Amino acid sequence: MLNKEHGADSLVYNNLIKGFINLGNLDKANELFDEIKKRCCVYGGSVDATFIDWFFKQGREKEAMESYKSLLDQPSKMTLDTCNVLLELLLKHNRKTEAWALFHQMWKIRSPYVSAVTSDTFNIMVNGFFRLGNISEAFDVFKLNGLNRLATYNNIITRCCEHGMLEDAEKLFAEVGAKWVSPDVYRALIDAYFKQERIEDALQTFNKMVDVSLSELAGEPATSLFGELIKYGKVAETVPILTKMGRRNPKPDPTIYEVVVMGLCNNALLDEARDIVGQQMRYGVGVTPALRDCVLDTFGRAGRNEEIERLLEIERHGFVQLEVKYNNYIKLQI
């Protein structure tokens, strides 16, 4: 890169230095560090942070802190990105006092014109304190941000769910409003409800998620959530949710229909299974071979084989539906 007269890029150097440090080749890492100091008049502190992290990992805390303090004395290197990296690094190595000091320093110099702290800054602090088990300090940081950054709400709600703090998560969820939280937050809440076997709450939250984040549910996420509901005996309750999903775009994946219909068949809910398969046909969603075999077998044993065969193959609304094998699915073309 340098031979082609490109400028020295500190990020590229930092990645190389990290690689040599991970390989245990400190001499080469130091050689590159000296090289970047010669080639770059100004470079970010991310390279220094890489060495600080290495000192901590080697148990050389004194050298790590000396390097850190030396970096603090070079304001030109203390960019927002560098400060965020250092915050994460300090909390990773249980240096809470130093992390708080750096955070307050960043907080003091913020202004309407200077972005010295961002949602990432708050989230790094919150995540670090959760990781250390200092939950009260995590909330202290979060409260400093007020109500103006949605990303910090999404982050702390997710952390609360991961730590089984559902009461706090629900309170924060109510504060921010259901339509503003990210799909990841919904998923974290639902997973937390399942872990505590609060199945009704999981069902209600899933319903809300379908209303506001349908595009995030077209594939695997919905498949696993439907599977969990069926596992906990909420088989019939999956029908109205999938019906609602099918009325909108994007349409549910074939695997989602497979999980729900097979769950209905296994629980002898054949009328409901027939209705869902009918919706699947109407929307032109592919039928997996496993689902086709399942419904033909289940309805056949119940003496209703003609009913399901007719549903899979007959004309609907005057249009002939032809079965075409495509990508291992039976795709209905209308």
C-alpha atoms as a PDB file:
ATOM      1  CA  MET A   1       0.000   0.000   0.000  1.00  0.00           C
ATOM      2  CA  LEU A   2       2.767   2.440   0.924  1.00  0.00           C
ATOM      3  CA  ASN A   3       4.805   1.444  -2.151  1.00  0.00           C
ATOM      4  CA  LYS A   4       1.886   2.632  -4.286  1.00  0.00           C
ATOM      5  CA  GLU A   5       2.111   6.031  -2.590  1.00  0.00           C
ATOM      6  CA  HIS A   6      -1.060   5.600  -0.560  1.00  0.00           C
ATOM      7  CA  GLY A   7      -1.095   7.381   2.787  1.00  0.00           C
ATOM      8  CA  ALA A   8      -0.400   5.500   5.993  1.00  0.00           C
ATOM      9  CA  ASP A   9      -3.713   4.401   7.514  1.00  0.00           C
ATOM     10  CA  SER A  10      -3.675   4.011  11.295  1.00  0.00           C
ATOM     11  CA  LEU A  11      -6.588   1.544  11.173  1.00  0.00           C
ATOM     12  CA  VAL A  12      -4.666  -0.723   8.814  1.00  0.00           C
ATOM     13  CA  TYR A  13      -1.601  -0.466  11.018  1.00  0.00           C
ATOM     14  CA  ASN A  14      -3.684  -1.227  14.082  1.00  0.00           C
ATOM     15  CA  ASN A  15      -5.080  -4.402  12.520  1.00  0.00           C
ATOM     16  CA  LEU A  16      -1.569  -5.540  11.592  1.00  0.00           C
ATOM     17  CA  ILE A  17      -0.257  -4.766  15.060  1.00  0.00           C
ATOM     18  CA  LYS A  18      -3.125  -6.711  16.654  1.00  0.00           C
ATOM     19  CA  GLY A  19      -2.349  -9.654  14.412  1.00  0.00           C
ATOM     20  CA  PHE A  20       1.331  -9.758  15.360  1.00  0.00           C
ATOM     21  CA  ILE A  21       0.518  -9.321  19.059  1.00  0.00           C
ATOM     22  CA  ASN A  22      -1.927 -12.238  18.882  1.00  0.00           C
ATOM     23  CA  LEU A  23       0.836 -14.302  17.256  1.00  0.00           C
ATOM     24  CA  GLY A  24       3.189 -13.363  20.090  1.00  0.00           C
ATOM     25  CA  ASN A  25       5.487 -11.379  17.804  1.00  0.00           C
ATOM     26  CA  LEU A  26       5.865  -8.257  19.938  1.00  0.00           C
ATOM     27  CA  ASP A  27       9.044  -7.160  18.153  1.00  0.00           C
ATOM     28  CA  LYS A  28       7.220  -6.873  14.827  1.00  0.00           C
ATOM     29  CA  ALA A  29       4.288  -5.123  16.508  1.00  0.00           C
ATOM     30  CA  ASN A  30       6.659  -2.552  18.046  1.00  0.00           C
ATOM     31  CA  GLU A  31       8.398  -2.122  14.707  1.00  0.00           C
ATOM     32  CA  LEU A  32       5.076  -1.263  13.072  1.00  0.00           C
ATOM     33  CA  PHE A  33       4.213   1.060  15.950  1.00  0.00           C
ATOM     34  CA  ASP A  34       7.469   2.971  15.448  1.00  0.00           C
ATOM     35  CA  GLU A  35       6.786   3.072  11.717  1.00  0.00           C
ATOM     36  CA  ILE A  36       3.342   4.605  12.091  1.00  0.00           C
ATOM     37  CA  LYS A  37       4.715   7.277  14.412  1.00  0.00           C
ATOM     38  CA  LYS A  38       7.140   8.288  11.667  1.00  0.00           C
ATOM     39  CA  ARG A  39       4.672   8.138   8.787  1.00  0.00           C
ATOM     40  CA  CYS A  40       1.604   9.689  10.448  1.00  0.00           C
ATOM     41  CA  CYS A  41       1.815  13.179  11.854  1.00  0.00           C
ATOM     42  CA  VAL A  42      -1.452  12.527  13.681  1.00  0.00           C
ATOM     43  CA  TYR A  43      -2.907   9.092  14.305  1.00  0.00           C
ATOM     44  CA  GLY A  44      -5.723   7.919  16.520  1.00  0.00           C
ATOM     45  CA  GLY A  45      -5.200   6.412  19.927  1.00  0.00           C
ATOM     46  CA  SER A  46      -6.641   3.053  18.876  1.00  0.00           C
ATOM     47  CA  VAL A  47      -3.099   1.764  18.307  1.00  0.00           C
ATOM     48  CA  ASP A  48      -2.092   2.798  21.826  1.00  0.00           C
ATOM     49  CA  ALA A  49      -5.236   1.099  23.135  1.00  0.00           C
ATOM     50  CA  THR A  50      -4.169  -2.142  21.458  1.00  0.00           C
ATOM     51  CA  PHE A  51      -0.914  -2.115  23.406  1.00  0.00           C
ATOM     52  CA  ILE A  52      -2.690  -1.147  26.642  1.00  0.00           C
ATOM     53  CA  ASP A  53      -5.005  -4.128  26.227  1.00  0.00           C
ATOM     54  CA  TRP A  54      -2.015  -6.397  25.650  1.00  0.00           C
ATOM     55  CA  PHE A  55      -0.303  -5.141  28.815  1.00  0.00           C
ATOM     56  CA  PHE A  56      -3.444  -5.870  30.832  1.00  0.00           C
ATOM     57  CA  LYS A  57      -3.718  -9.374  29.381  1.00  0.00           C
ATOM     58  CA  GLN A  58      -0.096 -10.049  30.323  1.00  0.00           C
ATOM     59  CA  GLY A  59      -0.754  -8.963  33.900  1.00  0.00           C
ATOM     60  CA  ARG A  60       1.438  -5.900  33.446  1.00  0.00           C
ATOM     61  CA  GLU A  61      -1.073  -3.459  34.905  1.00  0.00           C
ATOM     62  CA  LYS A  62       1.509  -0.838  35.858  1.00  0.00           C
ATOM     63  CA  GLU A  63       2.714  -0.558  32.261  1.00  0.00           C
ATOM     64  CA  ALA A  64      -0.861  -0.585  30.996  1.00  0.00           C
ATOM     65  CA  MET A  65      -1.822   2.346  33.203  1.00  0.00           C
ATOM     66  CA  GLU A  66       1.363   4.247  32.367  1.00  0.00           C
ATOM     67  CA  SER A  67       0.534   3.908  28.664  1.00  0.00           C
ATOM     68  CA  TYR A  68      -3.038   4.955  29.351  1.00  0.00           C
ATOM     69  CA  LYS A  69      -1.994   8.081  31.277  1.00  0.00           C
ATOM     70  CA  SER A  70       0.488   8.943  28.547  1.00  0.00           C
ATOM     71  CA  LEU A  71      -2.325   8.750  26.011  1.00  0.00           C
ATOM     72  CA  LEU A  72      -4.501  11.054  28.127  1.00  0.00           C
ATOM     73  CA  ASP A  73      -1.754  13.672  27.895  1.00  0.00           C
ATOM     74  CA  GLN A  74      -2.115  13.732  24.098  1.00  0.00           C
ATOM     75  CA  PRO A  75      -5.473  15.467  23.439  1.00  0.00           C
ATOM     76  CA  SER A  76      -5.062  15.215  19.666  1.00  0.00           C
ATOM     77  CA  LYS A  77      -5.379  11.437  19.917  1.00  0.00           C
ATOM     78  CA  MET A  78      -8.387  11.468  22.230  1.00  0.00           C
ATOM     79  CA  THR A  79     -11.062  11.350  19.563  1.00  0.00           C
ATOM     80  CA  LEU A  80     -14.569  10.111  20.306  1.00  0.00           C
ATOM     81  CA  ASP A  81     -13.804   6.703  18.792  1.00  0.00           C
ATOM     82  CA  THR A  82     -10.590   6.398  20.813  1.00  0.00           C
ATOM     83  CA  CYS A  83     -12.370   7.370  24.027  1.00  0.00           C
ATOM     84  CA  ASN A  84     -15.073   4.771  23.413  1.00  0.00           C
ATOM     85  CA  VAL A  85     -12.430   2.096  22.796  1.00  0.00           C
ATOM     86  CA  LEU A  86     -10.663   3.081  26.009  1.00  0.00           C
ATOM     87  CA  LEU A  87     -13.892   3.014  28.022  1.00  0.00           C
ATOM     88  CA  GLU A  88     -14.611  -0.517  26.841  1.00  0.00           C
ATOM     89  CA  LEU A  89     -11.031  -1.509  27.577  1.00  0.00           C
ATOM     90  CA  LEU A  90     -11.014  -0.087  31.104  1.00  0.00           C
ATOM     91  CA  LEU A  91     -14.283  -1.769  32.037  1.00  0.00           C
ATOM     92  CA  LYS A  92     -13.140  -5.027  30.467  1.00  0.00           C
ATOM     93  CA  HIS A  93     -10.212  -5.022  32.897  1.00  0.00           C
ATOM     94  CA  ASN A  94     -12.300  -3.878  35.890  1.00  0.00           C
ATOM     95  CA  ARG A  95     -10.897  -0.345  36.004  1.00  0.00           C
ATOM     96  CA  LYS A  96     -14.176   1.288  37.000  1.00  0.00           C
ATOM     97  CA  THR A  97     -12.647   4.362  38.630  1.00  0.00           C
ATOM     98  CA  GLU A  98     -10.675   5.257  35.518  1.00  0.00           C
ATOM     99  CA  ALA A  99     -13.682   4.514  33.294  1.00  0.00           C
ATOM    100  CA  TRP A 100     -15.880   6.860  35.308  1.00  0.00           C
ATOM    101  CA  ALA A 101     -13.200   9.571  35.206  1.00  0.00           C
ATOM    102  CA  LEU A 102     -12.882   9.317  31.420  1.00  0.00           C
ATOM    103  CA  PHE A 103     -16.649   9.276  30.974  1.00  0.00           C
ATOM    104  CA  HIS A 104     -17.070  12.416  33.100  1.00  0.00           C
ATOM    105  CA  GLN A 105     -14.296  14.100  31.150  1.00  0.00           C
ATOM    106  CA  MET A 106     -16.120  13.326  27.901  1.00  0.00           C
ATOM    107  CA  TRP A 107     -19.407  14.447  29.429  1.00  0.00           C
ATOM    108  CA  LYS A 108     -18.009  17.831  30.507  1.00  0.00           C
ATOM    109  CA  ILE A 109     -16.755  18.848  27.077  1.00  0.00           C
ATOM    110  CA  ARG A 110     -19.955  17.998  25.220  1.00  0.00           C
ATOM    111  CA  SER A 111     -21.946  20.838  23.690  1.00  0.00           C
ATOM    112  CA  PRO A 112     -24.629  21.318  21.043  1.00  0.00           C
ATOM    113  CA  TYR A 113     -21.777  21.616  18.539  1.00  0.00           C
ATOM    114  CA  VAL A 114     -19.392  18.946  19.819  1.00  0.00           C
ATOM    115  CA  SER A 115     -20.412  15.291  20.074  1.00  0.00           C
ATOM    116  CA  ALA A 116     -18.185  14.104  22.902  1.00  0.00           C
ATOM    117  CA  VAL A 117     -20.583  11.338  23.937  1.00  0.00           C
ATOM    118  CA  THR A 118     -22.915   9.224  21.821  1.00  0.00           C
ATOM    119  CA  SER A 119     -25.340   6.373  22.320  1.00  0.00           C
ATOM    120  CA  ASP A 120     -22.369   4.054  21.812  1.00  0.00           C
ATOM    121  CA  THR A 121     -20.592   5.745  24.729  1.00  0.00           C
ATOM    122  CA  PHE A 122     -23.543   5.175  27.053  1.00  0.00           C
ATOM    123  CA  ASN A 123     -24.043   1.614  25.844  1.00  0.00           C
ATOM    124  CA  ILE A 124     -20.377   0.762  26.396  1.00  0.00           C
ATOM    125  CA  MET A 125     -20.615   1.987  29.977  1.00  0.00           C
ATOM    126  CA  VAL A 126     -23.934   0.248  30.622  1.00  0.00           C
ATOM    127  CA  ASN A 127     -22.762  -3.042  29.108  1.00  0.00           C
ATOM    128  CA  GLY A 128     -19.478  -2.892  31.012  1.00  0.00           C
ATOM    129  CA  PHE A 129     -21.188  -2.402  34.364  1.00  0.00           C
ATOM    130  CA  PHE A 130     -23.706  -5.159  33.654  1.00  0.00           C
ATOM    131  CA  ARG A 131     -20.796  -7.457  32.807  1.00  0.00           C
ATOM    132  CA  LEU A 132     -19.125  -6.572  36.112  1.00  0.00           C
ATOM    133  CA  GLY A 133     -22.363  -7.098  38.033  1.00  0.00           C
ATOM    134  CA  ASN A 134     -22.610  -3.417  38.987  1.00  0.00           C
ATOM    135  CA  ILE A 135     -26.222  -2.986  37.915  1.00  0.00           C
ATOM    136  CA  SER A 136     -26.880   0.175  39.927  1.00  0.00           C
ATOM    137  CA  GLU A 137     -23.962   1.922  38.228  1.00  0.00           C
ATOM    138  CA  ALA A 138     -25.257   0.821  34.836  1.00  0.00           C
ATOM    139  CA  PHE A 139     -28.553   2.545  35.610  1.00  0.00           C
ATOM    140  CA  ASP A 140     -26.717   5.621  36.916  1.00  0.00           C
ATOM    141  CA  VAL A 141     -25.069   5.997  33.515  1.00  0.00           C
ATOM    142  CA  PHE A 142     -28.294   5.337  31.645  1.00  0.00           C
ATOM    143  CA  LYS A 143     -30.194   7.991  33.602  1.00  0.00           C
ATOM    144  CA  LEU A 144     -27.638  10.637  32.650  1.00  0.00           C
ATOM    145  CA  ASN A 145     -28.789  10.321  29.073  1.00  0.00           C
ATOM    146  CA  GLY A 146     -32.397  11.238  29.764  1.00  0.00           C
ATOM    147  CA  LEU A 147     -35.019  10.347  27.169  1.00  0.00           C
ATOM    148  CA  ASN A 148     -33.343  11.569  24.000  1.00  0.00           C
ATOM    149  CA  ARG A 149     -31.611   8.481  22.652  1.00  0.00           C
ATOM    150  CA  LEU A 150     -33.639   5.458  21.651  1.00  0.00           C
ATOM    151  CA  ALA A 151     -30.577   3.239  21.176  1.00  0.00           C
ATOM    152  CA  THR A 152     -29.724   3.440  24.879  1.00  0.00           C
ATOM    153  CA  TYR A 153     -33.222   2.249  25.787  1.00  0.00           C
ATOM    154  CA  ASN A 154     -32.996  -0.674  23.384  1.00  0.00           C
ATOM    155  CA  ASN A 155     -29.625  -1.627  24.818  1.00  0.00           C
ATOM    156  CA  ILE A 156     -30.478  -1.507  28.518  1.00  0.00           C
ATOM    157  CA  ILE A 157     -33.799  -3.329  28.042  1.00  0.00           C
ATOM    158  CA  THR A 158     -31.897  -6.133  26.308  1.00  0.00           C
ATOM    159  CA  ARG A 159     -29.323  -6.270  29.119  1.00  0.00           C
ATOM    160  CA  CYS A 160     -32.105  -6.434  31.730  1.00  0.00           C
ATOM    161  CA  CYS A 161     -33.714  -9.330  29.860  1.00  0.00           C
ATOM    162  CA  GLU A 162     -30.399 -11.186  29.687  1.00  0.00           C
ATOM    163  CA  HIS A 163     -29.991 -10.835  33.457  1.00  0.00           C
ATOM    164  CA  GLY A 164     -33.546 -11.925  34.278  1.00  0.00           C
ATOM    165  CA  MET A 165     -34.574  -8.423  35.392  1.00  0.00           C
ATOM    166  CA  LEU A 166     -37.945  -8.539  33.689  1.00  0.00           C
ATOM    167  CA  GLU A 167     -39.667  -6.047  35.979  1.00  0.00           C
ATOM    168  CA  ASP A 168     -37.107  -3.396  35.055  1.00  0.00           C
ATOM    169  CA  ALA A 169     -37.241  -4.388  31.387  1.00  0.00           C
ATOM    170  CA  GLU A 170     -41.027  -4.063  31.308  1.00  0.00           C
ATOM    171  CA  LYS A 171     -40.901  -0.650  32.982  1.00  0.00           C
ATOM    172  CA  LEU A 172     -38.372   0.642  30.455  1.00  0.00           C
ATOM    173  CA  PHE A 173     -40.333  -0.930  27.593  1.00  0.00           C
ATOM    174  CA  ALA A 174     -43.439   0.962  28.723  1.00  0.00           C
ATOM    175  CA  GLU A 175     -41.490   4.222  28.957  1.00  0.00           C
ATOM    176  CA  VAL A 176     -40.135   4.094  25.428  1.00  0.00           C
ATOM    177  CA  GLY A 177     -43.279   2.767  23.738  1.00  0.00           C
ATOM    178  CA  ALA A 178     -43.826  -0.527  21.946  1.00  0.00           C
ATOM    179  CA  LYS A 179     -43.531   0.842  18.419  1.00  0.00           C
ATOM    180  CA  TRP A 180     -40.124   2.423  19.011  1.00  0.00           C
ATOM    181  CA  VAL A 181     -38.129  -0.498  20.353  1.00  0.00           C
ATOM    182  CA  SER A 182     -35.997  -2.593  18.016  1.00  0.00           C
ATOM    183  CA  PRO A 183     -36.888  -6.155  16.949  1.00  0.00           C
ATOM    184  CA  ASP A 184     -33.942  -7.398  19.029  1.00  0.00           C
ATOM    185  CA  VAL A 185     -35.609  -6.005  22.154  1.00  0.00           C
ATOM    186  CA  TYR A 186     -38.833  -7.851  21.412  1.00  0.00           C
ATOM    187  CA  ARG A 187     -36.880 -11.055  20.904  1.00  0.00           C
ATOM    188  CA  ALA A 188     -34.940 -10.532  24.153  1.00  0.00           C
ATOM    189  CA  LEU A 189     -38.190  -9.978  26.061  1.00  0.00           C
ATOM    190  CA  ILE A 190     -39.844 -13.048  24.560  1.00  0.00           C
ATOM    191  CA  ASP A 191     -36.802 -15.227  25.283  1.00  0.00           C
ATOM    192  CA  ALA A 192     -36.736 -13.959  28.876  1.00  0.00           C
ATOM    193  CA  TYR A 193     -40.436 -14.747  29.298  1.00  0.00           C
ATOM    194  CA  PHE A 194     -39.883 -18.270  27.993  1.00  0.00           C
ATOM    195  CA  LYS A 195     -36.984 -18.774  30.420  1.00  0.00           C
ATOM    196  CA  GLN A 196     -39.246 -17.822  33.315  1.00  0.00           C
ATOM    197  CA  GLU A 197     -42.114 -19.838  31.787  1.00  0.00           C
ATOM    198  CA  ARG A 198     -44.320 -16.760  31.510  1.00  0.00           C
ATOM    199  CA  ILE A 199     -45.871 -18.128  28.365  1.00  0.00           C
ATOM    200  CA  GLU A 200     -48.870 -15.785  28.200  1.00  0.00           C
ATOM    201  CA  ASP A 201     -46.549 -12.785  28.356  1.00  0.00           C
ATOM    202  CA  ALA A 202     -44.373 -14.301  25.635  1.00  0.00           C
ATOM    203  CA  LEU A 203     -47.474 -14.833  23.485  1.00  0.00           C
ATOM    204  CA  GLN A 204     -48.701 -11.256  23.951  1.00  0.00           C
ATOM    205  CA  THR A 205     -45.271  -9.801  23.190  1.00  0.00           C
ATOM    206  CA  PHE A 206     -44.976 -11.955  20.071  1.00  0.00           C
ATOM    207  CA  ASN A 207     -48.334 -10.583  18.941  1.00  0.00           C
ATOM    208  CA  LYS A 208     -47.094  -7.013  19.442  1.00  0.00           C
ATOM    209  CA  MET A 209     -43.932  -7.800  17.533  1.00  0.00           C
ATOM    210  CA  VAL A 210     -45.962  -9.021  14.563  1.00  0.00           C
ATOM    211  CA  ASP A 211     -47.822  -5.707  14.562  1.00  0.00           C
ATOM    212  CA  VAL A 212     -44.720  -3.489  14.517  1.00  0.00           C
ATOM    213  CA  SER A 213     -41.790  -5.551  13.199  1.00  0.00           C
ATOM    214  CA  LEU A 214     -43.183  -8.038  10.700  1.00  0.00           C
ATOM    215  CA  SER A 215     -40.247  -7.709   8.310  1.00  0.00           C
ATOM    216  CA  GLU A 216     -37.946  -9.098  11.007  1.00  0.00           C
ATOM    217  CA  LEU A 217     -40.111 -12.190  11.452  1.00  0.00           C
ATOM    218  CA  ALA A 218     -40.360 -13.592   7.949  1.00  0.00           C
ATOM    219  CA  GLY A 219     -37.813 -16.355   8.517  1.00  0.00           C
ATOM    220  CA  GLU A 220     -35.935 -18.115  11.302  1.00  0.00           C
ATOM    221  CA  PRO A 221     -36.922 -15.835  14.231  1.00  0.00           C
ATOM    222  CA  ALA A 222     -40.620 -16.567  13.779  1.00  0.00           C
ATOM    223  CA  THR A 223     -39.965 -20.258  13.155  1.00  0.00           C
ATOM    224  CA  SER A 224     -38.222 -20.665  16.506  1.00  0.00           C
ATOM    225  CA  LEU A 225     -40.792 -18.542  18.368  1.00  0.00           C
ATOM    226  CA  PHE A 226     -43.687 -20.572  16.983  1.00  0.00           C
ATOM    227  CA  GLY A 227     -41.770 -23.700  17.920  1.00  0.00           C
ATOM    228  CA  GLU A 228     -41.421 -22.492  21.520  1.00  0.00           C
ATOM    229  CA  LEU A 229     -45.127 -21.677  21.775  1.00  0.00           C
ATOM    230  CA  ILE A 230     -46.036 -25.129  20.476  1.00  0.00           C
ATOM    231  CA  LYS A 231     -43.610 -26.733  22.926  1.00  0.00           C
ATOM    232  CA  TYR A 232     -45.390 -25.002  25.795  1.00  0.00           C
ATOM    233  CA  GLY A 233     -48.818 -26.123  24.600  1.00  0.00           C
ATOM    234  CA  LYS A 234     -49.937 -22.907  22.898  1.00  0.00           C
ATOM    235  CA  VAL A 235     -50.688 -24.688  19.630  1.00  0.00           C
ATOM    236  CA  ALA A 236     -54.101 -23.230  18.836  1.00  0.00           C
ATOM    237  CA  GLU A 237     -52.839 -19.760  19.761  1.00  0.00           C
ATOM    238  CA  THR A 238     -50.353 -19.850  16.896  1.00  0.00           C
ATOM    239  CA  VAL A 239     -53.168 -19.829  14.337  1.00  0.00           C
ATOM    240  CA  PRO A 240     -54.362 -16.199  14.697  1.00  0.00           C
ATOM    241  CA  ILE A 241     -50.762 -14.948  14.823  1.00  0.00           C
ATOM    242  CA  LEU A 242     -49.757 -16.739  11.618  1.00  0.00           C
ATOM    243  CA  THR A 243     -53.030 -15.710   9.986  1.00  0.00           C
ATOM    244  CA  LYS A 244     -52.225 -12.069  10.766  1.00  0.00           C
ATOM    245  CA  MET A 245     -48.704 -12.462   9.399  1.00  0.00           C
ATOM    246  CA  GLY A 246     -50.006 -14.013   6.188  1.00  0.00           C
ATOM    247  CA  ARG A 247     -52.268 -11.062   5.429  1.00  0.00           C
ATOM    248  CA  ARG A 248     -49.296  -8.730   5.172  1.00  0.00           C
ATOM    249  CA  ASN A 249     -45.974  -8.535   3.370  1.00  0.00           C
ATOM    250  CA  PRO A 250     -43.446 -10.016   3.458  1.00  0.00           C
ATOM    251  CA  LYS A 251     -45.203 -13.364   3.592  1.00  0.00           C
ATOM    252  CA  PRO A 252     -44.043 -15.953   6.130  1.00  0.00           C
ATOM    253  CA  ASP A 253     -41.442 -18.468   4.963  1.00  0.00           C
ATOM    254  CA  PRO A 254     -42.470 -22.046   4.075  1.00  0.00           C
ATOM    255  CA  THR A 255     -40.648 -23.295   7.186  1.00  0.00           C
ATOM    256  CA  ILE A 256     -42.901 -21.176   9.418  1.00  0.00           C
ATOM    257  CA  TYR A 257     -45.996 -22.800   7.942  1.00  0.00           C
ATOM    258  CA  GLU A 258     -44.326 -26.180   8.310  1.00  0.00           C
ATOM    259  CA  VAL A 259     -43.730 -25.725  12.052  1.00  0.00           C
ATOM    260  CA  VAL A 260     -47.238 -24.457  12.767  1.00  0.00           C
ATOM    261  CA  VAL A 261     -49.182 -26.913  10.594  1.00  0.00           C
ATOM    262  CA  MET A 262     -47.181 -29.900  11.825  1.00  0.00           C
ATOM    263  CA  GLY A 263     -47.814 -28.740  15.396  1.00  0.00           C
ATOM    264  CA  LEU A 264     -51.531 -28.575  14.671  1.00  0.00           C
ATOM    265  CA  CYS A 265     -51.496 -32.020  13.052  1.00  0.00           C
ATOM    266  CA  ASN A 266     -49.617 -33.535  15.980  1.00  0.00           C
ATOM    267  CA  ASN A 267     -52.266 -32.156  18.330  1.00  0.00           C
ATOM    268  CA  ALA A 268     -55.215 -33.382  16.248  1.00  0.00           C
ATOM    269  CA  LEU A 269     -56.295 -29.844  15.335  1.00  0.00           C
ATOM    270  CA  LEU A 270     -57.049 -30.818  11.763  1.00  0.00           C
ATOM    271  CA  ASP A 271     -59.592 -28.117  10.964  1.00  0.00           C
ATOM    272  CA  GLU A 272     -57.103 -25.445  11.988  1.00  0.00           C
ATOM    273  CA  ALA A 273     -54.337 -27.197  10.033  1.00  0.00           C
ATOM    274  CA  ARG A 274     -56.549 -27.278   6.944  1.00  0.00           C
ATOM    275  CA  ASP A 275     -57.317 -23.561   7.290  1.00  0.00           C
ATOM    276  CA  ILE A 276     -53.634 -22.627   7.570  1.00  0.00           C
ATOM    277  CA  VAL A 277     -52.719 -24.793   4.571  1.00  0.00           C
ATOM    278  CA  GLY A 278     -55.530 -23.070   2.688  1.00  0.00           C
ATOM    279  CA  GLN A 279     -54.005 -19.689   3.508  1.00  0.00           C
ATOM    280  CA  GLN A 280     -50.636 -20.968   2.377  1.00  0.00           C
ATOM    281  CA  MET A 281     -52.120 -22.000  -0.960  1.00  0.00           C
ATOM    282  CA  ARG A 282     -53.915 -18.692  -1.359  1.00  0.00           C
ATOM    283  CA  TYR A 283     -50.738 -16.669  -0.771  1.00  0.00           C
ATOM    284  CA  GLY A 284     -48.636 -18.845  -3.062  1.00  0.00           C
ATOM    285  CA  VAL A 285     -46.184 -19.771  -0.320  1.00  0.00           C
ATOM    286  CA  GLY A 286     -44.064 -22.827  -1.033  1.00  0.00           C
ATOM    287  CA  VAL A 287     -44.886 -26.129   0.654  1.00  0.00           C
ATOM    288  CA  THR A 288     -41.952 -28.097   2.010  1.00  0.00           C
ATOM    289  CA  PRO A 289     -41.855 -31.829   1.196  1.00  0.00           C
ATOM    290  CA  ALA A 290     -41.914 -32.594   4.933  1.00  0.00           C
ATOM    291  CA  LEU A 291     -45.107 -30.608   5.421  1.00  0.00           C
ATOM    292  CA  ARG A 292     -46.781 -32.183   2.398  1.00  0.00           C
ATOM    293  CA  ASP A 293     -45.959 -35.674   3.667  1.00  0.00           C
ATOM    294  CA  CYS A 294     -47.187 -34.769   7.147  1.00  0.00           C
ATOM    295  CA  VAL A 295     -50.590 -33.427   6.124  1.00  0.00           C
ATOM    296  CA  LEU A 296     -51.221 -36.221   3.631  1.00  0.00           C
ATOM    297  CA  ASP A 297     -50.377 -38.821   6.267  1.00  0.00           C
ATOM    298  CA  THR A 298     -52.312 -37.156   9.100  1.00  0.00           C
ATOM    299  CA  PHE A 299     -55.428 -36.409   7.075  1.00  0.00           C
ATOM    300  CA  GLY A 300     -55.217 -39.826   5.418  1.00  0.00           C
ATOM    301  CA  ARG A 301     -55.258 -41.601   8.787  1.00  0.00           C
ATOM    302  CA  ALA A 302     -58.265 -39.476   9.766  1.00  0.00           C
ATOM    303  CA  GLY A 303     -60.099 -40.474   6.585  1.00  0.00           C
ATOM    304  CA  ARG A 304     -59.830 -36.939   5.192  1.00  0.00           C
ATOM    305  CA  ASN A 305     -57.188 -37.519   2.521  1.00  0.00           C
ATOM    306  CA  GLU A 306     -59.357 -36.315  -0.362  1.00  0.00           C
ATOM    307  CA  GLU A 307     -60.036 -33.078   1.498  1.00  0.00           C
ATOM    308  CA  ILE A 308     -56.365 -32.170   1.889  1.00  0.00           C
ATOM    309  CA  GLU A 309     -55.377 -33.426  -1.568  1.00  0.00           C
ATOM    310  CA  ARG A 310     -58.068 -31.272  -3.103  1.00  0.00           C
ATOM    311  CA  LEU A 311     -56.842 -28.294  -1.091  1.00  0.00           C
ATOM    312  CA  LEU A 312     -53.292 -28.792  -2.282  1.00  0.00           C
ATOM    313  CA  GLU A 313     -54.149 -29.281  -5.949  1.00  0.00           C
ATOM    314  CA  ILE A 314     -57.535 -27.914  -6.998  1.00  0.00           C
ATOM    315  CA  GLU A 315     -58.286 -24.714  -8.858  1.00  0.00           C
ATOM    316  CA  ARG A 316     -58.918 -21.666  -6.672  1.00  0.00           C
ATOM    317  CA  HIS A 317     -60.818 -18.587  -7.759  1.00  0.00           C
ATOM    318  CA  GLY A 318     -60.743 -19.761 -11.371  1.00  0.00           C
ATOM    319  CA  PHE A 319     -56.943 -19.952 -11.578  1.00  0.00           C
ATOM    320  CA  VAL A 320     -55.122 -23.233 -12.080  1.00  0.00           C
ATOM    321  CA  GLN A 321     -52.412 -23.839  -9.497  1.00  0.00           C
ATOM    322  CA  LEU A 322     -49.564 -25.913 -10.826  1.00  0.00           C
ATOM    323  CA  GLU A 323     -47.036 -27.612  -8.575  1.00  0.00           C
ATOM    324  CA  VAL A 324     -43.472 -26.908  -9.614  1.00  0.00           C
ATOM    325  CA  LYS A 325     -40.504 -28.235  -7.699  1.00  0.00           C
ATOM    326  CA  TYR A 326     -38.145 -25.358  -7.011  1.00  0.00           C
ATOM    327  CA  ASN A 327     -35.258 -25.219  -4.545  1.00  0.00           C
ATOM    328  CA  ASN A 328     -36.547 -28.300  -2.719  1.00  0.00           C
ATOM    329  CA  TYR A 329     -39.982 -26.702  -2.214  1.00  0.00           C
ATOM    330  CA  ILE A 330     -43.242 -27.297  -4.037  1.00  0.00           C
ATOM    331  CA  LYS A 331     -44.014 -23.791  -5.297  1.00  0.00           C
ATOM    332  CA  LEU A 332     -47.549 -22.937  -6.284  1.00  0.00           C
ATOM    333  CA  GLN A 333     -47.827 -20.800  -9.394  1.00  0.00           C
ATOM    334  CA  ILE A 334     -51.103 -18.995  -9.918  1.00  0.00           C
END
